[in-house]
């Protein structure tokens, strides 16, 4: 398993998945049958969610979203109700399993962002921690996965072996407390309406004959496996062109809305990588969402993050206080075994009250959802602003954002907002790729601290948005300097060779420091009069 939050550099993909949408107006009998099918799918999915949650021994498969595991397949067959199509029941089970898996993975990522430990970094250790497995068992599994080689699993095993029992017990208590708090925000999903996935076992789409509608879908009745019914489908001329010019997927998603049948049909779009002649560096920031190497500033996250700091954070501070009080009481109980029974009972009741208060606090999560909405709107506006007027021959260079880059204090992490920057950059890459503009990610180390004139690398060069080199005195906007240095990572052969050499190993930062030191010495010899005294 790869390390969490460590990924390959994203580049232009010649294959993209999109969907076209078709719609039909079935008669009352067919509409009622489709509505019953959608309702039954939701009921099955909710029932499967309850069954999966009650079944022991599936946490690891859930965290890994391993639906093909033999234990998972066995449970799926056992949970099929009689009288229903088996493929329909399997689709509902897989849908429920994926929803639960996504919930656990979201909780794990949030816990990792808050407390970066091996128990939240590794999916295997995350699942074993929830199953309350002993330290020795965790270490043995990590060693088995390492298979005698150095790397992430070996590091995890060494970390576990270095812990004493008290430290491990305390970390597990911290883990479970954190999980309980995050699990309240991401509760067990309940499916009220869902798009029903139908594969080739349950449906068939064909071009129509002798009717005006261009396509007809034949759907297997899940309540009567020997019966099929057909519904004519219409779509736009644009979608018709997409269907005829692309290879369509073998499955669709079906949903009933306002008395109409809506169908999503995916296809894979192939495109050629464009030829480029202009290279543009883009720095993803906060004050300026995007700042380009040619001096263009686009958007601002400041109002969004001001709302987060002034409204969301204070709201969660109260929740954090309750959590800390509960943790303090729990710690006191664990370290005072000889307390009188009435005192112990009173402290346990206090913990129960604190638990109830945390579970009934809804305001922090409402405000957080509003923050996410504001963030999505600003990201969409900024990405659209960058794409407007972009020429086909422009090669966009962006820095690879890694969560480890933001191991700073909570206040600084909030200002940099790793989550906001990462989400913004992901949206930009998707938009570039889909519209056929080439791009690449490059190593981000020191891009905001290096002077683009003399090559001096020093953290003192930057002060917020202001950049002033302490060597040559060059002054500029810090985000503009960052975008220039980002661009250099894709055009300077020496820098490209250094980054490629250390792509999968350590030593990149030291190699870059040596390179910039050498460049700065060359500049000093050539411009002795240009130095800041």
Protein backbone atom coordinates (compact mmCIF):
# COMPACT_ATOMS: atom_id res chain seq x y z
CA UNK A 1 0.00 0.00 0.00
CA UNK A 2 1.31 3.45 -0.88
CA UNK A 3 1.86 6.06 1.77
CA UNK A 4 -1.12 8.19 2.62
CA UNK A 5 -1.11 11.67 1.09
CA UNK A 6 1.90 10.83 -1.09
CA UNK A 7 1.03 10.57 -4.76
CA UNK A 8 2.56 10.71 -8.20
CA UNK A 9 2.80 14.00 -10.03
CA UNK A 10 -0.37 14.69 -11.98
CA UNK A 11 0.05 15.27 -15.70
CA UNK A 12 -2.14 15.57 -18.77
CA UNK A 13 -4.28 12.45 -19.25
CA UNK A 14 -5.26 11.41 -22.75
CA UNK A 15 -8.29 9.51 -21.40
CA UNK A 16 -11.14 11.26 -19.56
CA UNK A 17 -14.48 9.89 -18.27
CA UNK A 18 -17.63 11.99 -18.69
CA UNK A 19 -21.37 11.32 -18.88
CA UNK A 20 -24.26 12.15 -21.19
CA UNK A 21 -27.83 12.29 -19.97
CA UNK A 22 -30.94 10.80 -21.53
CA UNK A 23 -34.52 11.09 -20.40
CA UNK A 24 -37.78 9.29 -21.03
CA UNK A 25 -41.48 9.68 -20.22
CA UNK A 26 -42.75 6.20 -19.34
CA UNK A 27 -46.46 5.48 -19.02
CA UNK A 28 -48.06 5.21 -15.58
CA UNK A 29 -47.51 1.47 -15.23
CA UNK A 30 -43.82 1.64 -16.14
CA UNK A 31 -43.31 4.84 -14.13
CA UNK A 32 -44.82 3.15 -11.07
CA UNK A 33 -42.59 0.10 -11.60
CA UNK A 34 -39.46 2.27 -11.96
CA UNK A 35 -40.42 4.26 -8.84
CA UNK A 36 -40.92 1.02 -6.90
CA UNK A 37 -37.55 -0.21 -8.17
CA UNK A 38 -35.81 2.99 -6.99
CA UNK A 39 -37.57 2.86 -3.63
CA UNK A 40 -36.71 -0.81 -3.19
CA UNK A 41 -33.08 -0.09 -4.07
CA UNK A 42 -32.91 2.53 -1.29
CA UNK A 43 -34.55 0.12 1.17
CA UNK A 44 -32.10 -2.62 0.26
CA UNK A 45 -29.13 -0.25 0.52
CA UNK A 46 -30.23 0.94 3.99
CA UNK A 47 -30.83 -2.62 5.14
CA UNK A 48 -27.41 -3.64 3.83
CA UNK A 49 -25.83 -0.72 5.67
CA UNK A 50 -27.36 -2.02 8.91
CA UNK A 51 -26.21 -5.57 8.17
CA UNK A 52 -22.65 -4.51 7.31
CA UNK A 53 -22.41 -2.34 10.44
CA UNK A 54 -23.56 -5.22 12.64
CA UNK A 55 -21.18 -7.75 11.06
CA UNK A 56 -17.85 -8.14 12.81
CA UNK A 57 -14.58 -8.56 10.94
CA UNK A 58 -15.26 -6.30 7.94
CA UNK A 59 -13.52 -3.10 9.06
CA UNK A 60 -10.38 -3.71 7.03
CA UNK A 61 -12.37 -4.52 3.89
CA UNK A 62 -14.47 -1.39 4.45
CA UNK A 63 -11.45 0.88 4.88
CA UNK A 64 -9.93 -0.57 1.68
CA UNK A 65 -13.33 -0.70 -0.11
CA UNK A 66 -12.59 -4.32 -1.00
CA UNK A 67 -16.00 -5.54 -2.20
CA UNK A 68 -14.47 -8.58 -3.91
CA UNK A 69 -13.23 -10.09 -0.63
CA UNK A 70 -14.63 -13.59 -0.08
CA UNK A 71 -16.15 -12.67 3.30
CA UNK A 72 -17.88 -9.65 1.76
CA UNK A 73 -19.24 -11.67 -1.17
CA UNK A 74 -20.47 -14.36 1.23
CA UNK A 75 -22.30 -11.76 3.35
CA UNK A 76 -23.84 -10.23 0.22
CA UNK A 77 -25.26 -13.61 -0.88
CA UNK A 78 -26.60 -14.33 2.61
CA UNK A 79 -28.34 -10.96 2.81
CA UNK A 80 -30.20 -11.26 -0.53
CA UNK A 81 -33.96 -11.23 0.03
CA UNK A 82 -35.96 -13.92 -1.71
CA UNK A 83 -37.89 -13.08 -4.85
CA UNK A 84 -35.61 -10.30 -6.12
CA UNK A 85 -33.18 -10.29 -9.01
CA UNK A 86 -29.70 -11.27 -7.72
CA UNK A 87 -27.87 -8.65 -9.84
CA UNK A 88 -30.19 -5.93 -8.48
CA UNK A 89 -29.52 -7.06 -4.89
CA UNK A 90 -25.77 -7.13 -5.51
CA UNK A 91 -25.86 -3.57 -6.92
CA UNK A 92 -27.64 -2.36 -3.77
CA UNK A 93 -25.16 -4.14 -1.52
CA UNK A 94 -22.13 -2.72 -3.37
CA UNK A 95 -23.66 0.77 -3.23
CA UNK A 96 -24.13 0.48 0.55
CA UNK A 97 -20.62 -0.92 1.04
CA UNK A 98 -19.06 1.95 -0.95
CA UNK A 99 -20.98 4.59 1.03
CA UNK A 100 -19.74 3.13 4.32
CA UNK A 101 -16.21 2.87 2.94
CA UNK A 102 -16.24 6.52 1.84
CA UNK A 103 -17.41 7.56 5.30
CA UNK A 104 -14.56 5.72 7.04
CA UNK A 105 -11.98 7.06 4.61
CA UNK A 106 -13.23 10.64 5.09
CA UNK A 107 -12.99 10.24 8.88
CA UNK A 108 -9.47 8.82 8.53
CA UNK A 109 -8.33 11.74 6.36
CA UNK A 110 -9.77 14.28 8.80
CA UNK A 111 -8.05 12.54 11.71
CA UNK A 112 -4.78 12.47 9.78
CA UNK A 113 -4.99 16.19 9.04
CA UNK A 114 -5.49 16.82 12.78
CA UNK A 115 -2.99 14.32 14.18
CA UNK A 116 -0.52 12.80 11.74
CA UNK A 117 0.27 9.36 13.19
CA UNK A 118 0.85 5.94 11.65
CA UNK A 119 -2.60 4.89 12.90
CA UNK A 120 -4.31 7.41 10.61
CA UNK A 121 -1.73 7.30 7.82
CA UNK A 122 -2.02 3.55 7.19
CA UNK A 123 -5.43 2.12 6.23
CA UNK A 124 -4.45 -1.23 7.72
CA UNK A 125 -3.44 0.25 11.09
CA UNK A 126 -6.53 2.49 11.05
CA UNK A 127 -8.77 -0.57 10.75
CA UNK A 128 -6.79 -2.56 13.32
CA UNK A 129 -7.00 0.36 15.78
CA UNK A 130 -10.78 0.44 15.41
CA UNK A 131 -10.79 -3.33 16.02
CA UNK A 132 -8.68 -2.71 19.17
CA UNK A 133 -5.94 -5.09 18.06
CA UNK A 134 -2.84 -5.37 20.32
CA UNK A 135 0.44 -3.69 19.47
CA UNK A 136 2.18 -6.98 18.81
CA UNK A 137 -0.42 -8.01 16.22
CA UNK A 138 -0.14 -4.64 14.45
CA UNK A 139 3.65 -4.90 14.32
CA UNK A 140 3.49 -8.45 12.95
CA UNK A 141 1.12 -7.38 10.15
CA UNK A 142 3.34 -4.44 9.22
CA UNK A 143 6.41 -6.70 9.10
CA UNK A 144 4.55 -9.17 6.92
CA UNK A 145 3.56 -6.38 4.52
CA UNK A 146 7.13 -5.04 4.51
CA UNK A 147 8.38 -8.48 3.44
CA UNK A 148 11.89 -7.74 4.64
CA UNK A 149 12.21 -4.50 2.66
CA UNK A 150 12.73 -0.97 3.92
CA UNK A 151 9.91 1.49 3.41
CA UNK A 152 6.64 2.65 4.92
CA UNK A 153 5.57 -0.67 6.45
CA UNK A 154 9.01 -1.24 7.97
CA UNK A 155 8.92 2.28 9.47
CA UNK A 156 5.49 1.56 10.96
CA UNK A 157 6.70 -1.70 12.48
CA UNK A 158 9.76 0.01 13.98
CA UNK A 159 7.60 2.79 15.42
CA UNK A 160 5.27 0.24 17.03
CA UNK A 161 8.17 -1.79 18.45
CA UNK A 162 9.66 1.35 20.01
CA UNK A 163 6.46 2.10 21.99
CA UNK A 164 5.99 0.86 25.51
CA UNK A 165 2.60 -0.46 26.66
CA UNK A 166 1.55 2.73 28.45
CA UNK A 167 2.38 4.93 25.44
CA UNK A 168 0.51 2.61 23.07
CA UNK A 169 -2.50 2.46 25.41
CA UNK A 170 -2.58 6.27 25.68
CA UNK A 171 -2.32 6.69 21.87
CA UNK A 172 -5.15 4.24 21.35
CA UNK A 173 -7.33 6.13 23.83
CA UNK A 174 -6.51 9.38 21.99
CA UNK A 175 -7.32 7.66 18.69
CA UNK A 176 -10.71 6.40 19.87
CA UNK A 177 -11.64 9.79 21.36
CA UNK A 178 -10.75 11.52 18.09
CA UNK A 179 -12.64 8.92 16.08
CA UNK A 180 -15.74 9.37 18.24
CA UNK A 181 -15.74 13.14 17.65
CA UNK A 182 -15.24 12.85 13.87
CA UNK A 183 -17.76 10.03 13.59
CA UNK A 184 -20.42 12.40 14.95
CA UNK A 185 -19.85 14.73 11.98
CA UNK A 186 -19.95 11.87 9.46
CA UNK A 187 -22.79 9.75 10.72
CA UNK A 188 -23.88 6.38 9.33
CA UNK A 189 -25.40 7.18 5.91
CA UNK A 190 -29.11 6.82 5.30
CA UNK A 191 -30.20 6.58 1.66
CA UNK A 192 -33.40 8.52 0.99
CA UNK A 193 -32.99 8.76 -2.80
CA UNK A 194 -30.34 7.23 -5.01
CA UNK A 195 -29.49 6.80 -8.65
CA UNK A 196 -29.84 3.08 -9.31
CA UNK A 197 -26.79 1.58 -11.08
CA UNK A 198 -27.77 -0.90 -13.78
CA UNK A 199 -25.23 -3.03 -15.61
CA UNK A 200 -25.64 -5.25 -18.67
CA UNK A 201 -27.36 -7.92 -16.56
CA UNK A 202 -30.20 -5.50 -15.75
CA UNK A 203 -30.56 -3.28 -18.82
CA UNK A 204 -29.78 -2.85 -22.49
CA UNK A 205 -29.74 0.40 -24.50
CA UNK A 206 -30.32 0.13 -28.23
CA UNK A 207 -31.04 2.48 -31.11
CA UNK A 208 -34.76 2.68 -31.72
CA UNK A 209 -36.64 1.60 -34.84
CA UNK A 210 -39.84 3.15 -36.23
CA UNK A 211 -40.20 5.69 -33.41
CA UNK A 212 -39.11 9.32 -33.02
CA UNK A 213 -36.98 8.75 -29.89
CA UNK A 214 -33.39 7.87 -30.86
CA UNK A 215 -32.85 5.18 -28.19
CA UNK A 216 -34.76 2.60 -26.18
CA UNK A 217 -33.74 1.13 -22.84
CA UNK A 218 -34.90 -2.37 -21.89
CA UNK A 219 -34.89 -2.89 -18.13
CA UNK A 220 -35.20 -6.19 -16.27
CA UNK A 221 -38.00 -6.14 -13.74
CA UNK A 222 -36.20 -6.83 -10.40
CA UNK A 223 -39.44 -8.27 -8.97
CA UNK A 224 -39.87 -10.66 -11.91
CA UNK A 225 -36.54 -11.76 -13.39
CA UNK A 226 -38.16 -13.21 -16.52
CA UNK A 227 -39.81 -9.94 -17.51
CA UNK A 228 -38.37 -6.86 -19.24
CA UNK A 229 -39.99 -3.55 -20.14
CA UNK A 230 -38.83 -0.88 -22.58
CA UNK A 231 -38.85 2.93 -22.36
CA UNK A 232 -38.03 5.28 -25.30
CA UNK A 233 -35.24 7.77 -24.53
CA UNK A 234 -34.61 11.28 -25.83
CA UNK A 235 -31.56 13.48 -25.44
CA UNK A 236 -29.99 16.63 -26.86
CA UNK A 237 -28.28 16.79 -30.26
CA UNK A 238 -25.01 17.44 -28.44
CA UNK A 239 -25.42 14.25 -26.38
CA UNK A 240 -26.38 12.29 -29.49
CA UNK A 241 -23.13 13.38 -31.09
CA UNK A 242 -21.20 12.30 -27.97
CA UNK A 243 -22.89 8.88 -27.94
CA UNK A 244 -22.19 8.23 -31.61
CA UNK A 245 -18.59 9.41 -31.49
CA UNK A 246 -17.51 7.67 -28.25
CA UNK A 247 -17.48 4.18 -26.82
CA UNK A 248 -20.15 4.13 -24.12
CA UNK A 249 -19.90 2.25 -20.82
CA UNK A 250 -21.72 -1.02 -20.22
CA UNK A 251 -23.63 0.36 -17.24
CA UNK A 252 -25.91 3.35 -16.55
CA UNK A 253 -27.40 5.14 -13.55
CA UNK A 254 -31.20 5.44 -13.43
CA UNK A 255 -33.31 7.88 -11.41
CA UNK A 256 -36.94 9.07 -11.39
CA UNK A 257 -37.36 12.85 -11.03
CA UNK A 258 -40.63 14.76 -11.40
CA UNK A 259 -42.30 11.90 -13.25
CA UNK A 260 -39.45 11.49 -15.77
CA UNK A 261 -36.82 8.82 -16.20
CA UNK A 262 -33.29 10.28 -16.05
CA UNK A 263 -30.33 8.18 -17.20
CA UNK A 264 -26.63 8.94 -16.89
CA UNK A 265 -24.45 7.12 -19.41
CA UNK A 266 -20.67 7.38 -19.08
CA UNK A 267 -18.13 7.40 -21.85
CA UNK A 268 -14.37 7.69 -22.12
CA UNK A 269 -13.04 10.61 -24.11
CA UNK A 270 -9.67 10.26 -25.81
CA UNK A 271 -7.69 13.36 -26.69
CA UNK A 272 -4.28 14.22 -28.03
CA UNK A 273 -1.76 15.99 -25.84
CA UNK A 274 -1.48 19.52 -27.29
CA UNK A 275 1.74 21.05 -28.55
CA UNK A 276 2.85 23.97 -26.39
CA UNK A 277 5.18 26.91 -26.88
CA UNK A 278 4.40 29.12 -23.88
CA UNK A 279 5.19 28.01 -20.31
CA UNK A 280 3.28 29.65 -17.46
CA UNK A 281 3.91 29.04 -13.77
CA UNK A 282 0.92 29.22 -11.42
CA UNK A 283 1.21 29.68 -7.65
CA UNK A 284 -1.87 28.54 -5.71
CA UNK A 285 -2.26 30.74 -2.67
CA UNK A 286 -4.71 32.33 -0.27
CA UNK A 287 -4.66 36.11 -0.74
CA UNK A 288 -4.48 35.45 -4.48
CA UNK A 289 -6.06 32.12 -5.39
CA UNK A 290 -3.86 31.99 -8.51
CA UNK A 291 -0.85 34.16 -9.30
CA UNK A 292 0.80 33.54 -12.67
CA UNK A 293 4.41 34.01 -13.71
CA UNK A 294 3.30 36.68 -16.18
CA UNK A 295 1.97 38.81 -13.32
CA UNK A 296 -1.76 38.03 -13.35
CA UNK A 297 -3.55 37.70 -9.96
CA UNK A 298 -6.88 35.83 -9.91
CA UNK A 299 -9.38 35.51 -7.05
CA UNK A 300 -8.94 35.68 -3.29
CA UNK A 301 -9.61 33.17 -0.50
CA UNK A 302 -9.30 35.81 2.22
CA UNK A 303 -13.08 36.40 2.75
CA UNK A 304 -13.67 32.63 2.87
CA UNK A 305 -10.89 32.02 5.39
CA UNK A 306 -11.93 35.06 7.44
CA UNK A 307 -15.34 33.44 7.79
CA UNK A 308 -13.62 30.21 8.84
CA UNK A 309 -11.45 31.88 11.48
CA UNK A 310 -14.09 34.28 12.81
CA UNK A 311 -17.14 31.98 12.72
CA UNK A 312 -16.30 28.30 12.24
CA UNK A 313 -13.23 28.01 14.48
CA UNK A 314 -14.84 29.71 17.55
CA UNK A 315 -17.86 27.46 17.11
CA UNK A 316 -15.68 24.33 17.14
CA UNK A 317 -13.69 25.70 20.09
CA UNK A 318 -16.66 24.96 22.36
CA UNK A 319 -16.80 21.41 21.02
CA UNK A 320 -13.08 21.05 21.58
CA UNK A 321 -13.43 22.25 25.19
CA UNK A 322 -16.03 19.56 25.88
CA UNK A 323 -13.78 16.95 24.29
CA UNK A 324 -10.79 18.06 26.41
CA UNK A 325 -12.90 17.96 29.58
CA UNK A 326 -14.00 14.41 28.77
CA UNK A 327 -10.41 13.42 28.04
CA UNK A 328 -9.26 14.95 31.34
CA UNK A 329 -11.91 13.05 33.32
CA UNK A 330 -11.04 9.82 31.48
CA UNK A 331 -7.33 10.35 32.17
CA UNK A 332 -8.06 10.96 35.86
CA UNK A 333 -10.12 7.77 36.10
CA UNK A 334 -7.42 5.68 34.42
CA UNK A 335 -4.71 6.90 36.79
CA UNK A 336 -6.72 6.75 40.05
CA UNK A 337 -7.88 3.18 40.46
CA UNK A 338 -8.60 3.48 44.20
CA UNK A 339 -11.34 6.14 44.00
CA UNK A 340 -14.47 5.62 46.15
CA UNK A 341 -17.31 4.04 44.17
CA UNK A 342 -19.62 7.07 44.48
CA UNK A 343 -16.88 9.40 43.15
CA UNK A 344 -16.11 7.06 40.25
CA UNK A 345 -19.81 6.82 39.41
CA UNK A 346 -20.15 10.60 39.52
CA UNK A 347 -17.20 11.06 37.12
CA UNK A 348 -18.61 8.47 34.72
CA UNK A 349 -21.96 10.32 34.75
CA UNK A 350 -20.09 13.54 34.01
CA UNK A 351 -18.46 11.88 30.99
CA UNK A 352 -21.89 10.73 29.81
CA UNK A 353 -23.23 14.29 30.07
CA UNK A 354 -20.26 15.63 28.12
CA UNK A 355 -20.84 12.95 25.46
CA UNK A 356 -24.51 13.95 25.16
CA UNK A 357 -23.61 17.64 24.87
CA UNK A 358 -21.10 16.88 22.08
CA UNK A 359 -23.60 14.75 20.18
CA UNK A 360 -26.32 17.42 20.30
CA UNK A 361 -24.14 20.33 19.16
CA UNK A 362 -25.28 21.02 15.61
CA UNK A 363 -24.24 24.66 15.04
CA UNK A 364 -20.52 24.01 14.38
CA UNK A 365 -21.31 21.57 11.59
CA UNK A 366 -23.88 23.92 10.00
CA UNK A 367 -21.30 26.69 9.90
CA UNK A 368 -18.69 24.32 8.51
CA UNK A 369 -21.06 23.31 5.68
CA UNK A 370 -21.57 26.99 4.86
CA UNK A 371 -17.79 27.44 4.74
CA UNK A 372 -17.54 24.54 2.26
CA UNK A 373 -20.20 26.20 0.08
CA UNK A 374 -18.36 29.53 0.08
CA UNK A 375 -15.12 27.73 -0.74
CA UNK A 376 -16.67 25.86 -3.69
CA UNK A 377 -18.05 29.10 -5.17
CA UNK A 378 -14.70 30.88 -4.91
CA UNK A 379 -12.87 27.91 -6.43
CA UNK A 380 -15.29 27.79 -9.38
CA UNK A 381 -14.98 31.54 -9.96
CA UNK A 382 -11.17 31.47 -9.79
CA UNK A 383 -10.77 28.44 -12.07
CA UNK A 384 -13.13 30.04 -14.62
CA UNK A 385 -11.11 33.25 -14.39
CA UNK A 386 -7.89 31.41 -15.15
CA UNK A 387 -9.37 29.45 -18.06
CA UNK A 388 -10.84 32.56 -19.73
CA UNK A 389 -8.54 33.64 -22.54
CA UNK A 390 -6.12 30.74 -22.02
CA UNK A 391 -4.47 29.79 -25.31
CA UNK A 392 -4.13 26.21 -26.49
CA UNK A 393 -0.33 26.39 -26.72
CA UNK A 394 0.08 27.40 -23.04
CA UNK A 395 1.76 24.84 -20.79
CA UNK A 396 0.61 25.36 -17.18
CA UNK A 397 3.07 24.46 -14.40
CA UNK A 398 1.76 24.09 -10.84
CA UNK A 399 3.38 22.91 -7.63
CA UNK A 400 2.60 19.49 -6.19
CA UNK A 401 0.87 20.08 -2.89
CA UNK A 402 1.75 17.57 -0.16
CA UNK A 403 0.11 17.65 3.25
CA UNK A 404 3.53 17.16 4.89
CA UNK A 405 4.48 20.61 3.59
CA UNK A 406 2.02 22.07 6.09
CA UNK A 407 3.33 20.57 9.34
CA UNK A 408 3.19 23.91 11.14
CA UNK A 409 1.23 25.36 14.02
CA UNK A 410 -2.57 25.19 13.91
CA UNK A 411 -2.79 28.96 13.30
CA UNK A 412 -0.40 28.86 10.37
CA UNK A 413 -2.07 25.73 9.00
CA UNK A 414 -5.37 27.57 9.07
CA UNK A 415 -3.92 30.54 7.19
CA UNK A 416 -2.32 28.36 4.51
CA UNK A 417 -5.38 26.10 4.45
CA UNK A 418 -3.93 22.96 2.92
CA UNK A 419 -7.44 21.70 2.29
CA UNK A 420 -8.51 24.83 0.37
CA UNK A 421 -5.34 24.97 -1.72
CA UNK A 422 -5.44 21.29 -2.54
CA UNK A 423 -9.09 21.42 -3.56
CA UNK A 424 -8.48 24.53 -5.69
CA UNK A 425 -5.56 22.95 -7.49
CA UNK A 426 -7.46 19.72 -8.10
CA UNK A 427 -10.31 21.69 -9.70
CA UNK A 428 -7.84 23.57 -11.93
CA UNK A 429 -6.17 20.35 -13.11
CA UNK A 430 -9.53 18.77 -13.96
CA UNK A 431 -10.62 21.84 -15.93
CA UNK A 432 -7.31 22.01 -17.83
CA UNK A 433 -7.35 18.33 -18.70
CA UNK A 434 -10.98 18.23 -19.80
CA UNK A 435 -10.63 21.26 -22.08
CA UNK A 436 -7.39 19.97 -23.60
CA UNK A 437 -4.75 22.27 -22.04
CA UNK A 438 -1.45 20.67 -21.08
CA UNK A 439 -0.12 20.95 -17.52
CA UNK A 440 2.32 19.36 -15.10
CA UNK A 441 3.01 19.31 -11.36
CA UNK A 442 6.51 20.05 -10.03
CA UNK A 443 8.27 19.81 -6.68
CA UNK A 444 7.22 22.73 -4.43
CA UNK A 445 10.29 22.95 -2.16
CA UNK A 446 11.52 26.53 -1.55
CA UNK A 447 9.59 28.09 -4.46
CA UNK A 448 8.50 31.02 -2.26
CA UNK A 449 11.93 31.56 -0.61
CA UNK A 450 14.28 31.67 -3.61
CA UNK A 451 15.18 34.95 -5.25
CA UNK A 452 14.58 34.61 -9.02
CA UNK A 453 17.37 37.14 -9.72
CA UNK A 454 20.35 35.99 -7.65
CA UNK A 455 19.28 32.49 -6.53
CA UNK A 456 19.59 33.30 -2.82
CA UNK A 457 17.57 30.80 -0.75
CA UNK A 458 16.55 32.15 2.64
CA UNK A 459 13.28 32.08 4.58
CA UNK A 460 13.97 35.71 5.56
CA UNK A 461 13.41 36.73 1.94
CA UNK A 462 9.66 36.41 2.39
CA UNK A 463 7.42 38.29 4.81
CA UNK A 464 3.79 37.44 4.07
CA UNK A 465 2.90 38.83 0.64
CA UNK A 466 6.12 40.87 0.49
CA UNK A 467 9.31 39.43 -0.99
CA UNK A 468 12.63 41.25 -0.56
CA UNK A 469 15.88 39.40 -1.17
CA UNK A 470 18.37 39.91 1.66
CA UNK A 471 21.21 39.35 -0.83
CA UNK A 472 20.50 41.49 -3.90
CA UNK A 473 17.54 43.55 -2.65
CA UNK A 474 15.10 42.35 -5.34
CA UNK A 475 11.50 43.20 -4.33
CA UNK A 476 8.27 41.70 -5.67
CA UNK A 477 4.96 40.11 -4.72
CA UNK A 478 5.74 36.83 -2.94
CA UNK A 479 3.15 34.87 -4.93
CA UNK A 480 4.57 36.22 -8.20
CA UNK A 481 8.05 35.10 -7.13
CA UNK A 482 6.64 31.68 -6.28
CA UNK A 483 5.02 31.34 -9.72
CA UNK A 484 8.30 32.32 -11.45
CA UNK A 485 10.21 29.67 -9.50
CA UNK A 486 7.48 27.11 -10.22
CA UNK A 487 7.86 27.84 -13.92
CA UNK A 488 11.65 27.36 -13.64
CA UNK A 489 11.13 23.81 -12.35
CA UNK A 490 9.69 22.89 -15.76
CA UNK A 491 12.09 24.79 -18.05
CA UNK A 492 15.46 24.70 -16.27
CA UNK A 493 17.19 21.45 -17.23
CA UNK A 494 19.44 21.39 -14.14
CA UNK A 495 16.44 21.75 -11.80
CA UNK A 496 14.49 19.15 -13.78
CA UNK A 497 17.38 16.68 -13.48
CA UNK A 498 17.68 17.27 -9.71
CA UNK A 499 13.93 16.76 -9.14
CA UNK A 500 13.89 13.65 -11.33
CA UNK A 501 16.92 12.16 -9.56
CA UNK A 502 15.30 12.53 -6.14
CA UNK A 503 11.72 11.84 -7.24
CA UNK A 504 11.27 8.68 -5.15
CA UNK A 505 13.89 9.16 -2.48
CA UNK A 506 15.16 11.60 0.11
CA UNK A 507 17.68 14.33 -0.43
CA UNK A 508 15.74 16.67 -2.72
CA UNK A 509 15.85 19.60 -0.31
CA UNK A 510 19.60 19.31 0.27
CA UNK A 511 20.23 18.97 -3.49
CA UNK A 512 18.17 22.10 -4.17
CA UNK A 513 19.97 24.04 -1.44
CA UNK A 514 23.32 23.10 -2.96
CA UNK A 515 22.15 24.13 -6.44
CA UNK A 516 20.82 27.52 -5.33
CA UNK A 517 23.92 28.17 -3.22
CA UNK A 518 26.06 27.55 -6.28
CA UNK A 519 23.90 29.86 -8.42
CA UNK A 520 24.06 32.57 -5.76
CA UNK A 521 27.86 32.37 -5.59
CA UNK A 522 28.06 32.76 -9.37
CA UNK A 523 25.78 35.82 -9.19
CA UNK A 524 27.87 37.41 -6.43
CA UNK A 525 31.05 37.06 -8.49
CA UNK A 526 29.37 38.57 -11.55
CA UNK A 527 27.61 41.40 -9.67
CA UNK A 528 29.71 42.37 -6.65
CA UNK A 529 28.27 45.88 -6.69
CA UNK A 530 24.66 44.62 -6.61
CA UNK A 531 24.81 43.12 -3.10
CA UNK A 532 22.80 44.47 -0.16
CA UNK A 533 25.17 45.67 2.55
